[in-house]
């Protein structure tokens, strides 16, 4: 859950259900393999629900479980704080000897 991609997947799923391709487009820079692994890890941890619909072509949807929604609220708050404080953090790093 605390991996770079895990956090981004949780945030992407925070407000709606997405298919694999939609998630890949929302999360720039993630490979198909890494996204698939991340979704499997999050599913096995009980944070993401995977629903495979019996249609042609295959259609799989991902959404947050109640536990995943709770975790995402916490992670999202931290991500918001980091984003708002990033200029200060970067300024302090430039001042280091």
PDB file of N, CA and C in Angstrom:
ATOM      1  N   UNK A   1       0.822  -1.187   0.000  1.00  0.00           N
ATOM      2  CA  UNK A   1       0.000   0.000   0.000  1.00  0.00           C
ATOM      3  C   UNK A   1       0.868   1.254   0.000  1.00  0.00           C
ATOM      4  N   UNK A   2       1.995   1.212   0.656  1.00  0.00           N
ATOM      5  CA  UNK A   2       2.794   2.421   0.789  1.00  0.00           C
ATOM      6  C   UNK A   2       3.786   2.608  -0.347  1.00  0.00           C
ATOM      7  N   UNK A   3       3.718   1.764  -1.354  1.00  0.00           N
ATOM      8  CA  UNK A   3       4.592   1.972  -2.502  1.00  0.00           C
ATOM      9  C   UNK A   3       4.112   3.190  -3.288  1.00  0.00           C
ATOM     10  N   UNK A   4       5.000   3.712  -4.101  1.00  0.00           N
ATOM     11  CA  UNK A   4       4.654   4.872  -4.929  1.00  0.00           C
ATOM     12  C   UNK A   4       3.395   4.589  -5.748  1.00  0.00           C
ATOM     13  N   UNK A   5       3.370   3.449  -6.419  1.00  0.00           N
ATOM     14  CA  UNK A   5       2.242   3.134  -7.298  1.00  0.00           C
ATOM     15  C   UNK A   5       0.997   2.801  -6.487  1.00  0.00           C
ATOM     16  N   UNK A   6       1.162   2.158  -5.345  1.00  0.00           N
ATOM     17  CA  UNK A   6       0.011   1.827  -4.498  1.00  0.00           C
ATOM     18  C   UNK A   6      -0.738   3.062  -4.052  1.00  0.00           C
ATOM     19  N   UNK A   7       0.000   4.066  -3.626  1.00  0.00           N
ATOM     20  CA  UNK A   7      -0.616   5.327  -3.196  1.00  0.00           C
ATOM     21  C   UNK A   7      -1.351   5.979  -4.361  1.00  0.00           C
ATOM     22  N   UNK A   8      -0.730   6.000  -5.528  1.00  0.00           N
ATOM     23  CA  UNK A   8      -1.367   6.628  -6.690  1.00  0.00           C
ATOM     24  C   UNK A   8      -2.613   5.873  -7.135  1.00  0.00           C
ATOM     25  N   UNK A   9      -2.597   4.549  -7.055  1.00  0.00           N
ATOM     26  CA  UNK A   9      -3.783   3.765  -7.403  1.00  0.00           C
ATOM     27  C   UNK A   9      -4.907   4.059  -6.420  1.00  0.00           C
ATOM     28  N   UNK A  10      -4.597   4.083  -5.144  1.00  0.00           N
ATOM     29  CA  UNK A  10      -5.630   4.375  -4.146  1.00  0.00           C
ATOM     30  C   UNK A  10      -6.256   5.740  -4.400  1.00  0.00           C
ATOM     31  N   UNK A  11      -5.445   6.731  -4.655  1.00  0.00           N
ATOM     32  CA  UNK A  11      -5.970   8.075  -4.898  1.00  0.00           C
ATOM     33  C   UNK A  11      -6.798   8.099  -6.185  1.00  0.00           C
ATOM     34  N   UNK A  12      -6.357   7.390  -7.218  1.00  0.00           N
ATOM     35  CA  UNK A  12      -7.112   7.359  -8.479  1.00  0.00           C
ATOM     36  C   UNK A  12      -8.475   6.702  -8.301  1.00  0.00           C
ATOM     37  N   UNK A  13      -8.562   5.736  -7.403  1.00  0.00           N
ATOM     38  CA  UNK A  13      -9.822   5.028  -7.175  1.00  0.00           C
ATOM     39  C   UNK A  13     -10.687   5.675  -6.096  1.00  0.00           C
ATOM     40  N   UNK A  14     -10.217   6.771  -5.529  1.00  0.00           N
ATOM     41  CA  UNK A  14     -10.885   7.369  -4.378  1.00  0.00           C
ATOM     42  C   UNK A  14     -12.356   7.691  -4.627  1.00  0.00           C
ATOM     43  N   UNK A  15     -12.694   8.201  -5.784  1.00  0.00           N
ATOM     44  CA  UNK A  15     -14.060   8.664  -5.999  1.00  0.00           C
ATOM     45  C   UNK A  15     -14.864   7.860  -7.009  1.00  0.00           C
ATOM     46  N   UNK A  16     -14.206   6.905  -7.699  1.00  0.00           N
ATOM     47  CA  UNK A  16     -14.966   6.145  -8.682  1.00  0.00           C
ATOM     48  C   UNK A  16     -14.270   4.852  -9.067  1.00  0.00           C
ATOM     49  N   UNK A  17     -15.026   4.003  -9.720  1.00  0.00           N
ATOM     50  CA  UNK A  17     -14.538   2.729 -10.241  1.00  0.00           C
ATOM     51  C   UNK A  17     -13.854   2.974 -11.584  1.00  0.00           C
ATOM     52  N   UNK A  18     -12.760   2.245 -11.831  1.00  0.00           N
ATOM     53  CA  UNK A  18     -12.040   2.400 -13.098  1.00  0.00           C
ATOM     54  C   UNK A  18     -11.665   1.044 -13.664  1.00  0.00           C
ATOM     55  N   UNK A  19     -11.566   1.004 -14.978  1.00  0.00           N
ATOM     56  CA  UNK A  19     -11.023  -0.154 -15.660  1.00  0.00           C
ATOM     57  C   UNK A  19      -9.502  -0.011 -15.690  1.00  0.00           C
ATOM     58  N   UNK A  20      -8.813  -1.116 -16.023  1.00  0.00           N
ATOM     59  CA  UNK A  20      -7.356  -1.150 -16.018  1.00  0.00           C
ATOM     60  C   UNK A  20      -6.768  -0.051 -16.909  1.00  0.00           C
ATOM     61  N   UNK A  21      -7.255   0.056 -18.138  1.00  0.00           N
ATOM     62  CA  UNK A  21      -6.729   1.051 -19.074  1.00  0.00           C
ATOM     63  C   UNK A  21      -6.936   2.471 -18.590  1.00  0.00           C
ATOM     64  N   UNK A  22      -8.079   2.717 -17.950  1.00  0.00           N
ATOM     65  CA  UNK A  22      -8.339   4.051 -17.399  1.00  0.00           C
ATOM     66  C   UNK A  22      -7.340   4.373 -16.298  1.00  0.00           C
ATOM     67  N   UNK A  23      -7.083   3.399 -15.440  1.00  0.00           N
ATOM     68  CA  UNK A  23      -6.112   3.613 -14.365  1.00  0.00           C
ATOM     69  C   UNK A  23      -4.730   3.900 -14.937  1.00  0.00           C
ATOM     70  N   UNK A  24      -4.358   3.152 -15.951  1.00  0.00           N
ATOM     71  CA  UNK A  24      -3.035   3.350 -16.549  1.00  0.00           C
ATOM     72  C   UNK A  24      -2.893   4.759 -17.111  1.00  0.00           C
ATOM     73  N   UNK A  25      -3.950   5.273 -17.737  1.00  0.00           N
ATOM     74  CA  UNK A  25      -3.900   6.636 -18.276  1.00  0.00           C
ATOM     75  C   UNK A  25      -3.886   7.678 -17.149  1.00  0.00           C
ATOM     76  N   UNK A  26      -4.629   7.423 -16.087  1.00  0.00           N
ATOM     77  CA  UNK A  26      -4.669   8.365 -14.964  1.00  0.00           C
ATOM     78  C   UNK A  26      -3.337   8.445 -14.231  1.00  0.00           C
ATOM     79  N   UNK A  27      -2.648   7.316 -14.161  1.00  0.00           N
ATOM     80  CA  UNK A  27      -1.386   7.231 -13.419  1.00  0.00           C
ATOM     81  C   UNK A  27      -0.262   7.216 -14.443  1.00  0.00           C
ATOM     82  N   UNK A  28       0.196   8.350 -14.832  1.00  0.00           N
ATOM     83  CA  UNK A  28       1.242   8.440 -15.848  1.00  0.00           C
ATOM     84  C   UNK A  28       2.532   7.789 -15.405  1.00  0.00           C
ATOM     85  N   UNK A  29       3.169   7.070 -16.332  1.00  0.00           N
ATOM     86  CA  UNK A  29       4.481   6.509 -16.066  1.00  0.00           C
ATOM     87  C   UNK A  29       4.498   5.096 -15.529  1.00  0.00           C
ATOM     88  N   UNK A  30       3.364   4.538 -15.193  1.00  0.00           N
ATOM     89  CA  UNK A  30       3.340   3.169 -14.668  1.00  0.00           C
ATOM     90  C   UNK A  30       3.243   2.190 -15.834  1.00  0.00           C
ATOM     91  N   UNK A  31       4.050   1.128 -15.762  1.00  0.00           N
ATOM     92  CA  UNK A  31       3.990   0.091 -16.793  1.00  0.00           C
ATOM     93  C   UNK A  31       2.781  -0.810 -16.539  1.00  0.00           C
ATOM     94  N   UNK A  32       2.364  -1.529 -17.562  1.00  0.00           N
ATOM     95  CA  UNK A  32       1.243  -2.461 -17.400  1.00  0.00           C
ATOM     96  C   UNK A  32       1.557  -3.494 -16.331  1.00  0.00           C
ATOM     97  N   UNK A  33       2.774  -4.016 -16.370  1.00  0.00           N
ATOM     98  CA  UNK A  33       3.164  -5.044 -15.404  1.00  0.00           C
ATOM     99  C   UNK A  33       3.127  -4.513 -13.967  1.00  0.00           C
ATOM    100  N   UNK A  34       3.676  -3.323 -13.752  1.00  0.00           N
ATOM    101  CA  UNK A  34       3.704  -2.754 -12.403  1.00  0.00           C
ATOM    102  C   UNK A  34       2.292  -2.432 -11.915  1.00  0.00           C
ATOM    103  N   UNK A  35       1.451  -1.922 -12.807  1.00  0.00           N
ATOM    104  CA  UNK A  35       0.074  -1.634 -12.410  1.00  0.00           C
ATOM    105  C   UNK A  35      -0.653  -2.924 -12.057  1.00  0.00           C
ATOM    106  N   UNK A  36      -0.475  -3.968 -12.857  1.00  0.00           N
ATOM    107  CA  UNK A  36      -1.120  -5.253 -12.570  1.00  0.00           C
ATOM    108  C   UNK A  36      -0.655  -5.811 -11.222  1.00  0.00           C
ATOM    109  N   UNK A  37       0.646  -5.748 -10.959  1.00  0.00           N
ATOM    110  CA  UNK A  37       1.176  -6.223  -9.673  1.00  0.00           C
ATOM    111  C   UNK A  37       0.620  -5.408  -8.517  1.00  0.00           C
ATOM    112  N   UNK A  38       0.608  -4.099  -8.686  1.00  0.00           N
ATOM    113  CA  UNK A  38       0.124  -3.214  -7.625  1.00  0.00           C
ATOM    114  C   UNK A  38      -1.340  -3.502  -7.316  1.00  0.00           C
ATOM    115  N   UNK A  39      -2.148  -3.667  -8.353  1.00  0.00           N
ATOM    116  CA  UNK A  39      -3.570  -3.980  -8.145  1.00  0.00           C
ATOM    117  C   UNK A  39      -3.730  -5.321  -7.442  1.00  0.00           C
ATOM    118  N   UNK A  40      -2.904  -6.307  -7.801  1.00  0.00           N
ATOM    119  CA  UNK A  40      -2.966  -7.611  -7.135  1.00  0.00           C
ATOM    120  C   UNK A  40      -2.605  -7.492  -5.659  1.00  0.00           C
ATOM    121  N   UNK A  41      -1.555  -6.712  -5.359  1.00  0.00           N
ATOM    122  CA  UNK A  41      -1.153  -6.519  -3.957  1.00  0.00           C
ATOM    123  C   UNK A  41      -2.254  -5.820  -3.167  1.00  0.00           C
ATOM    124  N   UNK A  42      -2.818  -4.773  -3.743  1.00  0.00           N
ATOM    125  CA  UNK A  42      -3.872  -4.036  -3.046  1.00  0.00           C
ATOM    126  C   UNK A  42      -5.113  -4.897  -2.860  1.00  0.00           C
ATOM    127  N   UNK A  43      -5.412  -5.742  -3.843  1.00  0.00           N
ATOM    128  CA  UNK A  43      -6.546  -6.654  -3.727  1.00  0.00           C
ATOM    129  C   UNK A  43      -6.288  -7.687  -2.626  1.00  0.00           C
ATOM    130  N   UNK A  44      -5.077  -8.240  -2.596  1.00  0.00           N
ATOM    131  CA  UNK A  44      -4.760  -9.249  -1.571  1.00  0.00           C
ATOM    132  C   UNK A  44      -4.727  -8.648  -0.167  1.00  0.00           C
ATOM    133  N   UNK A  45      -4.451  -7.343  -0.073  1.00  0.00           N
ATOM    134  CA  UNK A  45      -4.476  -6.655   1.221  1.00  0.00           C
ATOM    135  C   UNK A  45      -5.887  -6.235   1.625  1.00  0.00           C
ATOM    136  N   UNK A  46      -6.868  -6.470   0.748  1.00  0.00           N
ATOM    137  CA  UNK A  46      -8.255  -6.134   1.069  1.00  0.00           C
ATOM    138  C   UNK A  46      -8.615  -4.681   0.843  1.00  0.00           C
ATOM    139  N   UNK A  47      -7.788  -3.961   0.069  1.00  0.00           N
ATOM    140  CA  UNK A  47      -8.035  -2.532  -0.148  1.00  0.00           C
ATOM    141  C   UNK A  47      -8.750  -2.248  -1.465  1.00  0.00           C
ATOM    142  N   UNK A  48      -8.587  -3.136  -2.433  1.00  0.00           N
ATOM    143  CA  UNK A  48      -9.186  -2.945  -3.758  1.00  0.00           C
ATOM    144  C   UNK A  48     -10.048  -4.154  -4.092  1.00  0.00           C
ATOM    145  N   UNK A  49     -11.191  -3.871  -4.692  1.00  0.00           N
ATOM    146  CA  UNK A  49     -12.106  -4.916  -5.141  1.00  0.00           C
ATOM    147  C   UNK A  49     -12.001  -5.027  -6.657  1.00  0.00           C
ATOM    148  N   UNK A  50     -11.850  -6.239  -7.157  1.00  0.00           N
ATOM    149  CA  UNK A  50     -11.738  -6.506  -8.601  1.00  0.00           C
ATOM    150  C   UNK A  50     -12.980  -7.270  -9.026  1.00  0.00           C
ATOM    151  N   UNK A  51     -13.680  -6.729 -10.034  1.00  0.00           N
ATOM    152  CA  UNK A  51     -14.880  -7.383 -10.551  1.00  0.00           C
ATOM    153  C   UNK A  51     -14.677  -7.646 -12.037  1.00  0.00           C
ATOM    154  N   UNK A  52     -14.694  -8.939 -12.406  1.00  0.00           N
ATOM    155  CA  UNK A  52     -14.567  -9.339 -13.803  1.00  0.00           C
ATOM    156  C   UNK A  52     -15.974  -9.598 -14.343  1.00  0.00           C
ATOM    157  N   UNK A  53     -16.370  -8.792 -15.329  1.00  0.00           N
ATOM    158  CA  UNK A  53     -17.690  -8.942 -15.919  1.00  0.00           C
ATOM    159  C   UNK A  53     -17.611  -9.937 -17.074  1.00  0.00           C
ATOM    160  N   UNK A  54     -18.629 -10.754 -17.196  1.00  0.00           N
ATOM    161  CA  UNK A  54     -18.655 -11.800 -18.213  1.00  0.00           C
ATOM    162  C   UNK A  54     -19.182 -11.237 -19.532  1.00  0.00           C
ATOM    163  N   UNK A  55     -18.344 -10.457 -20.203  1.00  0.00           N
ATOM    164  CA  UNK A  55     -18.690  -9.851 -21.486  1.00  0.00           C
ATOM    165  C   UNK A  55     -17.511 -10.018 -22.441  1.00  0.00           C
ATOM    166  N   UNK A  56     -17.776  -9.784 -23.713  1.00  0.00           N
ATOM    167  CA  UNK A  56     -16.720  -9.834 -24.728  1.00  0.00           C
ATOM    168  C   UNK A  56     -16.585  -8.442 -25.313  1.00  0.00           C
ATOM    169  N   UNK A  57     -15.400  -7.844 -25.322  1.00  0.00           N
ATOM    170  CA  UNK A  57     -14.150  -8.332 -24.734  1.00  0.00           C
ATOM    171  C   UNK A  57     -14.212  -8.291 -23.216  1.00  0.00           C
ATOM    172  N   UNK A  58     -13.296  -9.009 -22.554  1.00  0.00           N
ATOM    173  CA  UNK A  58     -13.304  -9.039 -21.085  1.00  0.00           C
ATOM    174  C   UNK A  58     -13.282  -7.630 -20.493  1.00  0.00           C
ATOM    175  N   UNK A  59     -14.006  -7.463 -19.433  1.00  0.00           N
ATOM    176  CA  UNK A  59     -14.164  -6.150 -18.800  1.00  0.00           C
ATOM    177  C   UNK A  59     -13.938  -6.332 -17.299  1.00  0.00           C
ATOM    178  N   UNK A  60     -12.907  -5.700 -16.774  1.00  0.00           N
ATOM    179  CA  UNK A  60     -12.582  -5.801 -15.349  1.00  0.00           C
ATOM    180  C   UNK A  60     -12.620  -4.406 -14.757  1.00  0.00           C
ATOM    181  N   UNK A  61     -13.290  -4.284 -13.625  1.00  0.00           N
ATOM    182  CA  UNK A  61     -13.395  -2.991 -12.943  1.00  0.00           C
ATOM    183  C   UNK A  61     -12.760  -3.082 -11.564  1.00  0.00           C
ATOM    184  N   UNK A  62     -12.131  -1.989 -11.162  1.00  0.00           N
ATOM    185  CA  UNK A  62     -11.487  -1.905  -9.859  1.00  0.00           C
ATOM    186  C   UNK A  62     -12.110  -0.772  -9.061  1.00  0.00           C
ATOM    187  N   UNK A  63     -12.333  -1.028  -7.780  1.00  0.00           N
ATOM    188  CA  UNK A  63     -12.874  -0.006  -6.883  1.00  0.00           C
ATOM    189  C   UNK A  63     -12.293  -0.251  -5.492  1.00  0.00           C
ATOM    190  N   UNK A  64     -12.495   0.705  -4.632  1.00  0.00           N
ATOM    191  CA  UNK A  64     -11.999   0.575  -3.263  1.00  0.00           C
ATOM    192  C   UNK A  64     -12.991  -0.189  -2.400  1.00  0.00           C
ATOM    193  N   UNK A  65     -12.467  -1.000  -1.521  1.00  0.00           N
ATOM    194  CA  UNK A  65     -13.281  -1.626  -0.487  1.00  0.00           C
ATOM    195  C   UNK A  65     -13.478  -0.583   0.621  1.00  0.00           C
ATOM    196  N   UNK A  66     -14.346  -0.840   1.593  1.00  0.00           N
ATOM    197  CA  UNK A  66     -14.454   0.100   2.716  1.00  0.00           C
ATOM    198  C   UNK A  66     -13.113   0.334   3.421  1.00  0.00           C
ATOM    199  N   UNK A  67     -12.325  -0.729   3.580  1.00  0.00           N
ATOM    200  CA  UNK A  67     -10.999  -0.580   4.181  1.00  0.00           C
ATOM    201  C   UNK A  67     -10.098   0.266   3.292  1.00  0.00           C
ATOM    202  N   UNK A  68     -10.181   0.062   1.992  1.00  0.00           N
ATOM    203  CA  UNK A  68      -9.405   0.848   1.043  1.00  0.00           C
ATOM    204  C   UNK A  68      -9.797   2.310   1.061  1.00  0.00           C
ATOM    205  N   UNK A  69     -11.094   2.579   1.201  1.00  0.00           N
ATOM    206  CA  UNK A  69     -11.561   3.962   1.278  1.00  0.00           C
ATOM    207  C   UNK A  69     -11.005   4.648   2.524  1.00  0.00           C
ATOM    208  N   UNK A  70     -11.014   3.925   3.634  1.00  0.00           N
ATOM    209  CA  UNK A  70     -10.464   4.473   4.881  1.00  0.00           C
ATOM    210  C   UNK A  70      -8.973   4.768   4.739  1.00  0.00           C
ATOM    211  N   UNK A  71      -8.235   3.826   4.164  1.00  0.00           N
ATOM    212  CA  UNK A  71      -6.795   4.023   3.965  1.00  0.00           C
ATOM    213  C   UNK A  71      -6.534   5.187   3.020  1.00  0.00           C
ATOM    214  N   UNK A  72      -7.336   5.306   1.978  1.00  0.00           N
ATOM    215  CA  UNK A  72      -7.149   6.370   0.991  1.00  0.00           C
ATOM    216  C   UNK A  72      -7.366   7.744   1.606  1.00  0.00           C
ATOM    217  N   UNK A  73      -8.306   7.862   2.512  1.00  0.00           N
ATOM    218  CA  UNK A  73      -8.523   9.146   3.191  1.00  0.00           C
ATOM    219  C   UNK A  73      -7.262   9.577   3.932  1.00  0.00           C
ATOM    220  N   UNK A  74      -6.609   8.630   4.597  1.00  0.00           N
ATOM    221  CA  UNK A  74      -5.377   8.938   5.337  1.00  0.00           C
ATOM    222  C   UNK A  74      -4.234   9.277   4.381  1.00  0.00           C
ATOM    223  N   UNK A  75      -4.049   8.458   3.360  1.00  0.00           N
ATOM    224  CA  UNK A  75      -2.969   8.662   2.395  1.00  0.00           C
ATOM    225  C   UNK A  75      -3.178   9.963   1.627  1.00  0.00           C
ATOM    226  N   UNK A  76      -4.413  10.245   1.276  1.00  0.00           N
ATOM    227  CA  UNK A  76      -4.731  11.456   0.523  1.00  0.00           C
ATOM    228  C   UNK A  76      -4.419  12.710   1.341  1.00  0.00           C
ATOM    229  N   UNK A  77      -4.714  12.658   2.634  1.00  0.00           N
ATOM    230  CA  UNK A  77      -4.398  13.793   3.501  1.00  0.00           C
ATOM    231  C   UNK A  77      -2.898  14.039   3.543  1.00  0.00           C
ATOM    232  N   UNK A  78      -2.122  12.975   3.627  1.00  0.00           N
ATOM    233  CA  UNK A  78      -0.660  13.112   3.621  1.00  0.00           C
ATOM    234  C   UNK A  78      -0.169  13.657   2.280  1.00  0.00           C
ATOM    235  N   UNK A  79      -0.718  13.146   1.180  1.00  0.00           N
ATOM    236  CA  UNK A  79      -0.322  13.620  -0.152  1.00  0.00           C
ATOM    237  C   UNK A  79      -0.657  15.103  -0.315  1.00  0.00           C
ATOM    238  N   UNK A  80      -1.813  15.525   0.183  1.00  0.00           N
ATOM    239  CA  UNK A  80      -2.192  16.940   0.123  1.00  0.00           C
ATOM    240  C   UNK A  80      -1.216  17.796   0.931  1.00  0.00           C
ATOM    241  N   UNK A  81      -0.827  17.315   2.117  1.00  0.00           N
ATOM    242  CA  UNK A  81       0.114  18.064   2.945  1.00  0.00           C
ATOM    243  C   UNK A  81       1.458  18.191   2.245  1.00  0.00           C
ATOM    244  N   UNK A  82       1.939  17.084   1.679  1.00  0.00           N
ATOM    245  CA  UNK A  82       3.228  17.118   0.974  1.00  0.00           C
ATOM    246  C   UNK A  82       3.171  18.105  -0.179  1.00  0.00           C
ATOM    247  N   UNK A  83       2.098  18.064  -0.942  1.00  0.00           N
ATOM    248  CA  UNK A  83       1.965  18.968  -2.084  1.00  0.00           C
ATOM    249  C   UNK A  83       1.959  20.434  -1.634  1.00  0.00           C
ATOM    250  N   UNK A  84       1.269  20.732  -0.550  1.00  0.00           N
ATOM    251  CA  UNK A  84       1.204  22.126  -0.085  1.00  0.00           C
ATOM    252  C   UNK A  84       2.524  22.586   0.536  1.00  0.00           C
ATOM    253  N   UNK A  85       3.285  21.667   1.114  1.00  0.00           N
ATOM    254  CA  UNK A  85       4.535  22.023   1.784  1.00  0.00           C
ATOM    255  C   UNK A  85       5.770  21.818   0.917  1.00  0.00           C
ATOM    256  N   UNK A  86       5.608  21.296  -0.286  1.00  0.00           N
ATOM    257  CA  UNK A  86       6.753  20.984  -1.142  1.00  0.00           C
ATOM    258  C   UNK A  86       7.668  22.185  -1.382  1.00  0.00           C
ATOM    259  N   UNK A  87       7.145  23.381  -1.653  1.00  0.00           N
ATOM    260  CA  UNK A  87       8.063  24.515  -1.837  1.00  0.00           C
ATOM    261  C   UNK A  87       8.960  24.753  -0.612  1.00  0.00           C
ATOM    262  N   UNK A  88       8.399  24.645   0.576  1.00  0.00           N
ATOM    263  CA  UNK A  88       9.192  24.833   1.796  1.00  0.00           C
ATOM    264  C   UNK A  88      10.230  23.728   1.961  1.00  0.00           C
ATOM    265  N   UNK A  89       9.826  22.505   1.661  1.00  0.00           N
ATOM    266  CA  UNK A  89      10.740  21.364   1.781  1.00  0.00           C
ATOM    267  C   UNK A  89      11.904  21.530   0.813  1.00  0.00           C
ATOM    268  N   UNK A  90      11.603  21.890  -0.427  1.00  0.00           N
ATOM    269  CA  UNK A  90      12.652  22.074  -1.430  1.00  0.00           C
ATOM    270  C   UNK A  90      13.568  23.243  -1.076  1.00  0.00           C
ATOM    271  N   UNK A  91      13.015  24.311  -0.527  1.00  0.00           N
ATOM    272  CA  UNK A  91      13.819  25.461  -0.117  1.00  0.00           C
ATOM    273  C   UNK A  91      14.804  25.063   0.986  1.00  0.00           C
ATOM    274  N   UNK A  92      14.347  24.267   1.931  1.00  0.00           N
ATOM    275  CA  UNK A  92      15.228  23.804   3.010  1.00  0.00           C
ATOM    276  C   UNK A  92      16.333  22.903   2.469  1.00  0.00           C
ATOM    277  N   UNK A  93      16.023  22.082   1.501  1.00  0.00           N
ATOM    278  CA  UNK A  93      17.042  21.204   0.911  1.00  0.00           C
ATOM    279  C   UNK A  93      18.110  22.027   0.195  1.00  0.00           C
ATOM    280  N   UNK A  94      17.713  23.118  -0.449  1.00  0.00           N
ATOM    281  CA  UNK A  94      18.699  23.954  -1.143  1.00  0.00           C
ATOM    282  C   UNK A  94      19.610  24.670  -0.169  1.00  0.00           C
ATOM    283  N   UNK A  95      19.151  24.918   1.050  1.00  0.00           N
ATOM    284  CA  UNK A  95      19.945  25.621   2.064  1.00  0.00           C
ATOM    285  C   UNK A  95      20.951  24.701   2.749  1.00  0.00           C
ATOM    286  N   UNK A  96      20.779  23.379   2.622  1.00  0.00           N
ATOM    287  CA  UNK A  96      21.697  22.448   3.294  1.00  0.00           C
ATOM    288  C   UNK A  96      23.111  22.625   2.749  1.00  0.00           C
ATOM    289  N   UNK A  97      24.107  22.513   3.653  1.00  0.00           N
ATOM    290  CA  UNK A  97      25.514  22.655   3.211  1.00  0.00           C
ATOM    291  C   UNK A  97      25.977  21.529   2.352  1.00  0.00           C
TER     292      UNK A  97
END
